[in-house]
Protein backbone atom coordinates (compact mmCIF):
# COMPACT_ATOMS: atom_id res chain seq x y z
CA MET A 1 54.08 -33.49 -10.34
CA ASN A 2 55.81 -34.25 -13.64
CA CYS A 3 58.64 -36.68 -14.44
CA SER A 4 62.02 -34.93 -14.54
CA VAL A 5 63.01 -37.09 -17.53
CA CYS A 6 59.99 -37.10 -19.85
CA GLY A 7 57.45 -34.71 -18.37
CA LYS A 8 54.73 -37.35 -17.88
CA ASP A 9 52.90 -37.81 -14.57
CA ALA A 10 55.37 -38.81 -11.86
CA VAL A 11 54.71 -41.65 -9.41
CA ILE A 12 57.44 -40.75 -6.91
CA ASP A 13 59.55 -37.84 -5.75
CA ILE A 14 63.15 -38.77 -4.86
CA PRO A 15 64.67 -35.79 -3.00
CA TYR A 16 68.21 -37.20 -2.71
CA MET A 17 68.30 -37.34 -6.52
CA ASN A 18 66.39 -34.07 -6.89
CA LYS A 19 64.15 -35.90 -9.36
CA ARG A 20 60.54 -36.93 -9.84
CA LEU A 21 60.01 -40.03 -11.96
CA CYS A 22 57.13 -41.54 -13.92
CA GLN A 23 56.44 -45.28 -13.68
CA VAL A 24 58.65 -46.22 -16.63
CA HIS A 25 61.64 -44.15 -15.57
CA PHE A 26 61.27 -45.09 -11.90
CA LEU A 27 61.30 -48.82 -12.66
CA ASP A 28 64.31 -48.32 -14.91
CA HIS A 29 66.12 -46.35 -12.18
CA PHE A 30 65.29 -48.89 -9.47
CA GLU A 31 66.33 -51.95 -11.43
CA SER A 32 69.49 -50.26 -12.74
CA VAL A 33 70.65 -49.38 -9.22
CA PHE A 34 69.80 -52.88 -7.98
CA MET A 35 71.61 -54.60 -10.86
CA LYS A 36 74.68 -52.42 -10.40
CA GLU A 37 74.87 -53.52 -6.77
CA VAL A 38 74.46 -57.16 -7.79
CA ARG A 39 77.34 -56.87 -10.26
CA GLN A 40 79.53 -55.25 -7.60
CA GLN A 41 78.64 -57.59 -4.74
CA ILE A 42 78.13 -61.01 -6.33
CA LYS A 43 80.98 -62.60 -8.25
CA PHE A 44 81.13 -66.31 -9.07
CA ASP A 45 84.67 -67.53 -9.66
CA SER A 46 83.52 -70.46 -11.80
CA GLY A 47 80.77 -68.56 -13.57
CA GLY A 48 78.11 -70.29 -11.52
CA GLY A 49 76.89 -70.75 -7.96
CA THR A 50 73.96 -70.32 -5.59
CA VAL A 51 72.44 -67.28 -3.91
CA SER A 52 70.01 -67.67 -1.02
CA VAL A 53 67.60 -64.91 -0.04
CA ALA A 54 66.71 -64.48 3.63
CA LEU A 55 63.01 -64.06 2.92
CA SER A 56 60.94 -62.68 5.79
CA GLY A 57 57.89 -62.12 3.61
CA GLY A 58 58.12 -58.34 4.07
CA LYS A 59 58.54 -55.80 1.28
CA ASP A 60 62.35 -55.57 1.24
CA SER A 61 63.21 -59.26 1.10
CA SER A 62 60.30 -59.98 -1.26
CA VAL A 63 61.50 -57.34 -3.73
CA THR A 64 65.07 -58.62 -3.35
CA LEU A 65 64.00 -62.17 -4.24
CA TYR A 66 61.78 -61.00 -7.11
CA ILE A 67 64.54 -59.05 -8.88
CA LEU A 68 67.37 -61.49 -8.11
CA HIS A 69 65.27 -64.28 -9.56
CA SER A 70 64.48 -62.25 -12.68
CA ILE A 71 68.12 -61.41 -13.43
CA LEU A 72 69.94 -64.55 -12.22
CA SER A 73 67.57 -67.41 -13.00
CA VAL A 74 68.22 -67.00 -16.74
CA ARG A 75 71.82 -68.05 -16.14
CA ARG A 76 72.00 -71.84 -16.34
CA LYS A 77 74.83 -72.12 -13.83
CA VAL A 78 73.25 -69.88 -11.20
CA LYS A 79 70.57 -70.97 -8.71
CA VAL A 80 68.43 -68.68 -6.54
CA LYS A 81 66.91 -70.17 -3.39
CA ALA A 82 65.10 -68.75 -0.38
CA PHE A 83 64.54 -69.51 3.28
CA THR A 84 62.54 -67.99 6.12
CA VAL A 85 63.59 -67.83 9.77
CA ASP A 86 60.73 -68.64 12.14
CA GLU A 87 61.53 -66.92 15.44
CA GLY A 88 58.44 -68.28 17.15
CA ILE A 89 56.50 -65.04 17.59
CA SER A 90 52.83 -65.80 18.05
CA GLY A 91 50.40 -64.08 15.68
CA TYR A 92 53.16 -62.57 13.56
CA ARG A 93 55.49 -64.97 11.80
CA ASP A 94 52.89 -67.55 10.69
CA LYS A 95 51.30 -65.13 8.23
CA SER A 96 54.61 -63.93 6.78
CA ILE A 97 55.80 -67.53 6.27
CA GLN A 98 52.66 -68.17 4.23
CA THR A 99 53.24 -65.00 2.17
CA ALA A 100 56.89 -65.94 1.59
CA GLY A 101 55.91 -69.43 0.49
CA GLU A 102 53.34 -68.09 -1.98
CA LEU A 103 55.91 -65.78 -3.59
CA CYS A 104 58.43 -68.60 -3.92
CA ARG A 105 55.85 -70.92 -5.50
CA SER A 106 54.86 -68.24 -8.00
CA LEU A 107 58.52 -67.82 -9.01
CA GLY A 108 59.41 -71.50 -8.88
CA VAL A 109 62.03 -70.90 -6.17
CA GLU A 110 63.01 -73.51 -3.60
CA HIS A 111 61.89 -72.35 -0.14
CA THR A 112 62.65 -73.77 3.30
CA VAL A 113 61.85 -72.69 6.86
CA ILE A 114 64.30 -72.85 9.76
CA SER A 115 63.10 -72.17 13.28
CA TYR A 116 64.42 -71.18 16.67
CA SER A 117 62.54 -74.11 18.19
CA GLU A 118 64.25 -76.75 16.05
CA VAL A 119 67.76 -75.31 16.43
CA PHE A 120 67.76 -73.65 19.86
CA GLY A 121 64.88 -75.50 21.49
CA THR A 122 63.08 -72.28 22.34
CA THR A 123 60.98 -69.51 20.79
CA MET A 124 61.35 -65.76 20.81
CA ASP A 125 58.18 -65.45 22.90
CA SER A 126 59.72 -67.76 25.50
CA GLU A 127 63.04 -65.88 25.49
CA VAL A 128 61.36 -62.52 26.04
CA THR A 129 59.60 -63.96 29.08
CA ARG A 130 62.74 -65.65 30.39
CA LEU A 131 65.10 -62.72 29.90
CA ARG A 132 62.98 -59.90 31.28
CA GLY A 133 64.80 -56.57 31.21
CA LYS A 134 66.67 -57.30 27.98
CA THR A 135 65.62 -55.59 24.76
CA PRO A 136 63.94 -58.27 22.59
CA CYS A 137 65.99 -57.29 19.51
CA ALA A 138 69.23 -57.74 21.46
CA VAL A 139 68.17 -61.33 22.11
CA CYS A 140 66.65 -62.05 18.72
CA GLY A 141 69.37 -60.52 16.53
CA PRO A 142 72.23 -62.92 17.35
CA MET A 143 69.95 -65.96 17.12
CA ARG A 144 68.53 -64.82 13.80
CA ARG A 145 71.99 -64.15 12.34
CA GLN A 146 73.15 -67.64 13.26
CA LEU A 147 70.13 -69.24 11.61
CA ILE A 148 70.52 -67.11 8.47
CA ASN A 149 74.06 -68.43 8.12
CA MET A 150 73.02 -71.99 8.92
CA ALA A 151 70.17 -71.96 6.39
CA ALA A 152 72.40 -70.54 3.65
CA GLN A 153 75.00 -73.23 4.35
CA THR A 154 72.34 -75.95 4.23
CA GLN A 155 71.22 -74.66 0.84
CA GLY A 156 74.82 -74.81 -0.39
CA SER A 157 74.94 -71.10 -1.13
CA ASP A 158 77.90 -68.92 -2.01
CA TYR A 159 76.04 -65.77 -0.97
CA VAL A 160 73.05 -64.89 1.19
CA ALA A 161 71.08 -61.78 0.19
CA LEU A 162 69.50 -59.67 2.90
CA GLY A 163 66.64 -57.24 2.33
CA LEU A 164 68.32 -54.21 3.87
CA ASN A 165 67.47 -50.92 2.19
CA MET A 166 69.23 -47.55 2.30
CA ASP A 167 67.37 -46.52 5.46
CA ASP A 168 68.29 -49.73 7.30
CA VAL A 169 71.98 -49.48 6.41
CA ALA A 170 72.24 -45.78 7.33
CA GLN A 171 70.62 -46.51 10.69
CA SER A 172 73.10 -49.31 11.38
CA VAL A 173 76.04 -47.06 10.49
CA LEU A 174 74.83 -44.34 12.85
CA MET A 175 74.16 -46.87 15.64
CA ASN A 176 77.71 -48.18 15.38
CA VAL A 177 79.14 -44.65 15.19
CA SER A 178 77.30 -43.79 18.42
CA ARG A 179 79.02 -46.75 20.08
CA GLY A 180 82.39 -45.90 18.58
CA ASP A 181 82.46 -49.42 17.16
CA MET A 182 84.83 -49.07 14.20
CA GLU A 183 85.35 -52.82 13.95
CA ARG A 184 81.66 -53.53 13.55
CA ILE A 185 81.29 -50.78 10.94
CA SER A 186 84.14 -52.35 8.94
CA ARG A 187 82.47 -55.77 9.15
CA MET A 188 79.07 -54.67 7.86
CA ALA A 189 77.70 -56.26 4.69
CA PRO A 190 78.28 -56.52 1.81
CA HIS A 191 81.15 -58.95 2.25
CA SER A 192 83.66 -59.28 -0.56
CA HIS A 193 85.69 -62.07 1.06
CA SER A 194 84.78 -65.49 2.37
CA VAL A 195 85.31 -66.06 6.07
CA ASN A 196 85.62 -69.53 7.55
CA GLY A 197 82.18 -70.69 8.62
CA LEU A 198 80.27 -67.66 7.28
CA VAL A 199 78.41 -67.33 4.01
CA ARG A 200 79.09 -63.95 2.36
CA ARG A 201 76.22 -61.50 2.86
CA VAL A 202 75.08 -59.10 0.16
CA ILE A 203 72.59 -56.21 0.30
CA PRO A 204 71.47 -55.21 -3.23
CA LEU A 205 68.94 -52.65 -1.90
CA ARG A 206 71.46 -50.59 0.04
CA ARG A 207 71.27 -47.60 -2.33
CA LEU A 208 67.47 -47.65 -2.63
CA SER A 209 65.25 -46.01 -0.01
CA GLU A 210 62.36 -47.61 1.82
CA ARG A 211 59.90 -45.41 -0.10
CA GLU A 212 61.38 -46.61 -3.37
CA VAL A 213 61.09 -50.25 -2.31
CA VAL A 214 57.42 -49.82 -1.36
CA THR A 215 56.70 -48.03 -4.65
CA TYR A 216 58.42 -50.77 -6.66
CA ALA A 217 56.47 -53.51 -4.86
CA LEU A 218 53.18 -51.72 -5.54
CA LEU A 219 53.94 -51.07 -9.23
CA LYS A 220 55.07 -54.68 -9.77
CA ASN A 221 52.18 -56.08 -7.72
CA ILE A 222 54.54 -58.02 -5.45
CA LYS A 223 52.51 -59.36 -2.53
CA TYR A 224 54.18 -58.96 0.85
CA ASP A 225 53.27 -59.10 4.52
CA HIS A 226 52.54 -55.65 5.99
CA SER A 227 52.55 -56.66 9.66
CA TRP A 228 55.12 -55.49 12.22
CA CYS A 229 56.87 -57.54 14.89
CA PRO A 230 55.00 -57.07 18.21
CA TYR A 231 58.34 -56.34 19.91
CA TYR A 232 59.16 -53.59 17.42
CA ALA A 233 58.25 -50.73 19.79
CA GLN A 234 61.03 -51.74 22.21
CA ALA A 235 63.81 -51.68 19.58
CA GLN A 236 66.74 -49.33 20.15
CA ARG A 237 66.82 -48.83 16.38
CA ASN A 238 63.63 -46.74 16.55
CA LEU A 239 65.54 -43.75 17.92
CA PHE A 240 68.12 -43.96 15.13
CA ARG A 241 65.36 -44.43 12.54
CA LYS A 242 63.85 -41.14 13.70
CA ILE A 243 67.19 -39.32 13.74
CA VAL A 244 68.23 -40.55 10.29
CA SER A 245 64.84 -39.62 8.82
CA GLU A 246 65.02 -36.11 10.26
CA ILE A 247 68.56 -35.60 8.97
CA GLU A 248 67.61 -36.87 5.51
CA GLU A 249 64.54 -34.63 5.36
CA LYS A 250 66.65 -31.56 6.10
CA TYR A 251 69.73 -32.64 4.14
CA PRO A 252 68.74 -34.99 1.28
CA GLY A 253 71.52 -37.42 0.43
CA SER A 254 72.66 -37.90 4.04
CA LYS A 255 71.73 -41.58 4.04
CA LEU A 256 73.89 -42.22 0.99
CA ALA A 257 76.71 -40.27 2.64
CA MET A 258 76.52 -42.59 5.68
CA ILE A 259 76.73 -45.59 3.37
CA ARG A 260 79.77 -44.12 1.63
CA LEU A 261 81.34 -43.54 5.06
CA GLN A 262 80.89 -47.23 5.90
CA GLU A 263 82.42 -48.26 2.57
CA ASP A 264 85.39 -45.98 3.18
CA ILE A 265 85.96 -47.33 6.68
CA ALA A 266 85.70 -50.93 5.45
CA GLY A 267 88.14 -50.21 2.64
CA ARG A 268 90.68 -48.54 4.91
CA TYR A 269 90.58 -50.83 7.92
CA THR A 270 89.65 -54.23 6.57
CA ASN A 271 91.57 -56.82 4.62
CA PRO A 272 90.94 -60.57 4.32
CA GLY A 273 93.29 -61.29 7.21
CA ASP A 274 91.26 -59.11 9.55
CA LEU A 275 88.12 -61.14 8.93
CA SER A 276 89.24 -64.50 10.28
CA LEU A 277 86.94 -66.04 12.88
CA GLY A 278 87.30 -68.70 15.51
CA THR A 279 84.58 -70.95 16.87
CA CYS A 280 82.48 -70.73 20.02
CA ARG A 281 83.91 -73.01 22.69
CA ASN A 282 80.36 -73.96 23.70
CA CYS A 283 78.39 -74.57 20.49
CA GLY A 284 81.15 -74.67 17.84
CA ARG A 285 79.55 -72.04 15.61
CA PRO A 286 81.60 -69.14 14.13
CA SER A 287 82.52 -66.51 16.71
CA SER A 288 84.91 -63.58 17.10
CA GLY A 289 85.30 -64.41 20.80
CA GLN A 290 85.50 -67.49 22.99
CA LEU A 291 81.72 -67.53 23.27
CA CYS A 292 79.32 -66.57 20.49
CA SER A 293 76.69 -63.95 21.21
CA VAL A 294 73.89 -66.53 21.41
CA CYS A 295 75.66 -68.53 24.08
CA MET A 296 76.53 -65.34 25.96
CA ILE A 297 72.84 -64.38 26.01
CA SER A 298 71.70 -67.83 27.07
CA GLY A 299 74.24 -67.82 29.90
CA GLU A 300 75.57 -71.26 29.06
CA ASN A 301 79.00 -72.39 30.20
CA ASP A 302 81.36 -74.93 28.64
CA ASP A 303 79.25 -77.81 29.89
CA GLY A 304 76.07 -76.46 28.34
CA ASN A 305 74.49 -75.75 31.74
CA GLN A 306 72.38 -72.69 32.42
């Protein structure tokens, strides 16, 4: 397999581009796409600011931190920080926290850990036992999103970068399409406007596939945690992951088309006024309804009782 650009041995085949690339041209392609997304998604009004990376320790967030640090840390007025959310999943998160910490130390990046136990007084393992019958991801997702926002606020960040690749974003678009949830599609990251109480989320990997991210991490020798969440098998997303992969295999470029659909919907149906949020009447955190999704899951009322 030869590189489509120079004819040397290729390291990856990228069907949606109809190209095969050698190491040099693949790294150039990957970093160019990433940097273009950064320029489009991150804009500092004063020429300076802070970006936090939600660092799980996995391949996507580790690559996101690695490249953001390399391109932004040279700017004196820009700071890159990182944090890890500890959901309290026995035998899983401890290792990834260690891996995330090692990467941050090697880059000289400030790293903090925020946990379900310290904020919510519970762990994901406990919640799965307590809320039998609910899909673990449906419980974990809202709690994780709140802590991502809280950690980014604590670090004084203007943006929080998520390690969502092309596959992840396409799956989310299709999931929301299947629910007919136009509002949620329009509110997907990246966010170009600030919303009261929410740090803007950016996703620099959204036009790079999972295979490309893995290849980049291997070529750059970026250490990351390979383990999977033990509750992964129960995730509704698995069905959409399979569907999106099958569509992409038969019709290369379909994932990018789904991303362009989301951008078009967001551009047509969203303006800054549509993005205003209230606060949860129970916990006071940002919410589009009277109760935030975490409080709805926990079953708490106005008095904080179960």
